[in-house]
C-alpha atoms as a PDB file:
ATOM      1  CA  MET A   1       6.503  -8.514  -6.325  1.00  0.00           C
ATOM      2  CA  PHE A   2       6.711  -5.118  -7.977  1.00  0.00           C
ATOM      3  CA  LYS A   3       6.529  -1.750  -6.553  1.00  0.00           C
ATOM      4  CA  PRO A   4       3.447  -0.060  -7.743  1.00  0.00           C
ATOM      5  CA  THR A   5       5.898   3.477  -9.349  1.00  0.00           C
ATOM      6  CA  ASN A   6       8.387   0.405 -10.995  1.00  0.00           C
ATOM      7  CA  LEU A   7       5.472  -0.899 -12.609  1.00  0.00           C
ATOM      8  CA  LEU A   8       3.896   2.742 -13.744  1.00  0.00           C
ATOM      9  CA  ARG A   9       7.050   3.393 -15.393  1.00  0.00           C
ATOM     10  CA  LYS A  10       7.318   0.654 -17.301  1.00  0.00           C
ATOM     11  CA  ASN A  11       3.507   0.611 -18.355  1.00  0.00           C
ATOM     12  CA  ALA A  12       3.532   4.225 -19.589  1.00  0.00           C
ATOM     13  CA  LEU A  13       6.326   3.484 -21.850  1.00  0.00           C
ATOM     14  CA  PHE A  14       3.786   1.649 -23.666  1.00  0.00           C
ATOM     15  CA  THR A  15       0.775   4.257 -23.853  1.00  0.00           C
ATOM     16  CA  GLY A  16       1.859   5.566 -27.516  1.00  0.00           C
ATOM     17  CA  ASN A  17       1.900   9.110 -27.269  1.00  0.00           C
ATOM     18  CA  PHE A  18       2.067  12.572 -24.803  1.00  0.00           C
ATOM     19  CA  GLU A  19      -1.454  12.468 -24.444  1.00  0.00           C
ATOM     20  CA  GLY A  20      -2.067   8.549 -23.614  1.00  0.00           C
ATOM     21  CA  GLY A  21       0.590   9.429 -21.362  1.00  0.00           C
ATOM     22  CA  GLN A  22      -1.307  12.050 -19.175  1.00  0.00           C
ATOM     23  CA  ALA A  23      -4.266   9.698 -19.329  1.00  0.00           C
ATOM     24  CA  TRP A  24      -2.733   7.265 -17.762  1.00  0.00           C
ATOM     25  CA  GLY A  25      -1.143   9.295 -15.586  1.00  0.00           C
ATOM     26  CA  ILE A  26      -4.755  10.694 -14.573  1.00  0.00           C
ATOM     27  CA  LEU A  27      -6.188   6.883 -14.280  1.00  0.00           C
ATOM     28  CA  TRP A  28      -3.193   5.463 -12.121  1.00  0.00           C
ATOM     29  CA  SER A  29      -3.336   8.761  -9.221  1.00  0.00           C
ATOM     30  CA  ILE A  30      -7.288   8.001  -8.749  1.00  0.00           C
ATOM     31  CA  ILE A  31      -6.321   4.480  -8.275  1.00  0.00           C
ATOM     32  CA  GLU A  32      -3.727   5.322  -6.059  1.00  0.00           C
ATOM     33  CA  THR A  33      -6.224   8.031  -4.280  1.00  0.00           C
ATOM     34  CA  CYS A  34      -8.737   5.055  -4.181  1.00  0.00           C
ATOM     35  CA  LYS A  35      -6.491   3.371  -2.338  1.00  0.00           C
ATOM     36  CA  LEU A  36      -5.229   5.501   0.105  1.00  0.00           C
ATOM     37  CA  ASN A  37      -8.779   6.005   0.865  1.00  0.00           C
ATOM     38  CA  GLY A  38      -9.439   2.448   1.379  1.00  0.00           C
ATOM     39  CA  VAL A  39     -12.092   2.847  -1.892  1.00  0.00           C
ATOM     40  CA  ASN A  40     -12.474  -0.296  -4.208  1.00  0.00           C
ATOM     41  CA  PRO A  41     -11.194   1.389  -7.724  1.00  0.00           C
ATOM     42  CA  GLU A  42     -13.030  -0.353 -10.138  1.00  0.00           C
ATOM     43  CA  PRO A  43     -16.541  -0.249  -8.395  1.00  0.00           C
ATOM     44  CA  TYR A  44     -15.616   3.662  -7.557  1.00  0.00           C
ATOM     45  CA  LEU A  45     -14.516   4.355 -11.349  1.00  0.00           C
ATOM     46  CA  LYS A  46     -17.784   2.671 -12.306  1.00  0.00           C
ATOM     47  CA  TRP A  47     -19.858   5.006 -10.193  1.00  0.00           C
ATOM     48  CA  VAL A  48     -18.095   8.085 -11.066  1.00  0.00           C
ATOM     49  CA  LEU A  49     -18.531   7.709 -15.108  1.00  0.00           C
ATOM     50  CA  ASN A  50     -22.019   6.798 -14.697  1.00  0.00           C
ATOM     51  CA  GLN A  51     -22.434   9.659 -12.014  1.00  0.00           C
ATOM     52  CA  ILE A  52     -21.020  11.788 -15.165  1.00  0.00           C
ATOM     53  CA  MET A  53     -23.028  10.283 -18.109  1.00  0.00           C
ATOM     54  CA  ASN A  54     -26.188  10.966 -16.001  1.00  0.00           C
ATOM     55  CA  LYS A  55     -25.081  15.144 -16.135  1.00  0.00           C
ATOM     56  CA  LEU A  56     -24.220  15.607 -12.946  1.00  0.00           C
ATOM     57  CA  PRO A  57     -23.721  19.409 -12.738  1.00  0.00           C
ATOM     58  CA  ARG A  58     -19.977  20.168 -12.878  1.00  0.00           C
ATOM     59  CA  SER A  59     -20.347  22.272  -9.770  1.00  0.00           C
ATOM     60  CA  GLU A  60     -20.906  19.005  -7.716  1.00  0.00           C
ATOM     61  CA  TYR A  61     -17.880  16.865  -9.325  1.00  0.00           C
ATOM     62  CA  GLU A  62     -16.325  17.307  -5.757  1.00  0.00           C
ATOM     63  CA  LYS A  63     -18.789  14.697  -4.687  1.00  0.00           C
ATOM     64  CA  LEU A  64     -17.202  12.259  -7.279  1.00  0.00           C
ATOM     65  CA  LEU A  65     -13.740  12.321  -4.985  1.00  0.00           C
ATOM     66  CA  PRO A  66     -12.566   8.936  -3.592  1.00  0.00           C
ATOM     67  CA  TRP A  67     -12.638  10.347   0.168  1.00  0.00           C
ATOM     68  CA  ASN A  68     -16.236  11.209  -0.927  1.00  0.00           C
ATOM     69  CA  ALA A  69     -17.247   7.972  -2.091  1.00  0.00           C
ATOM     70  CA  PRO A  70     -20.499   6.132  -0.549  1.00  0.00           C
ATOM     71  CA  ALA A  71     -19.723   3.795   1.790  1.00  0.00           C
ATOM     72  CA  GLU A  72     -20.943   1.115  -0.106  1.00  0.00           C
ATOM     73  CA  PHE A  73     -17.060   1.168  -2.285  1.00  0.00           C
ATOM     74  CA  LEU A  74     -15.255   1.428   1.261  1.00  0.00           C
ATOM     75  CA  VAL A  75     -12.883  -1.501   2.226  1.00  0.00           C
ATOM     76  CA  GLY A  76     -11.136  -0.283   4.758  1.00  0.00           C
ATOM     77  CA  ARG A  77      -9.681   3.076   5.877  1.00  0.00           C
ATOM     78  CA  TRP A  78      -6.081   3.458   6.647  1.00  0.00           C
ATOM     79  CA  THR A  79      -5.959   5.141  10.110  1.00  0.00           C
ATOM     80  CA  GLY A  80      -2.408   6.237  10.354  1.00  0.00           C
ATOM     81  CA  ARG A  81      -2.123   4.192  13.158  1.00  0.00           C
ATOM     82  CA  LYS A  82       0.786   1.555  13.405  1.00  0.00           C
ATOM     83  CA  THR A  83      -0.755  -2.003  14.411  1.00  0.00           C
ATOM     84  CA  GLY A  84       1.590  -4.447  15.816  1.00  0.00           C
ATOM     85  CA  PRO A  85       4.922  -5.016  17.495  1.00  0.00           C
END
């Protein structure tokens, strides 16, 4: 199994140019933030893009952050507590 950071580094080599690398980095950061917050990234990203497409005011973009995602996108939250032995 690959570590996510190694996979990112290798995939980022093929982004084509500097702007492509920046876009890939932003997308990867959002996906990893979703994972840390127990949010399913694919439906969450579809929802965010639909909200932006439907002209959500920029003053309300904070509502689109992964830790503010609606409950329907949650797949389990990390509590920070160790479970097991």
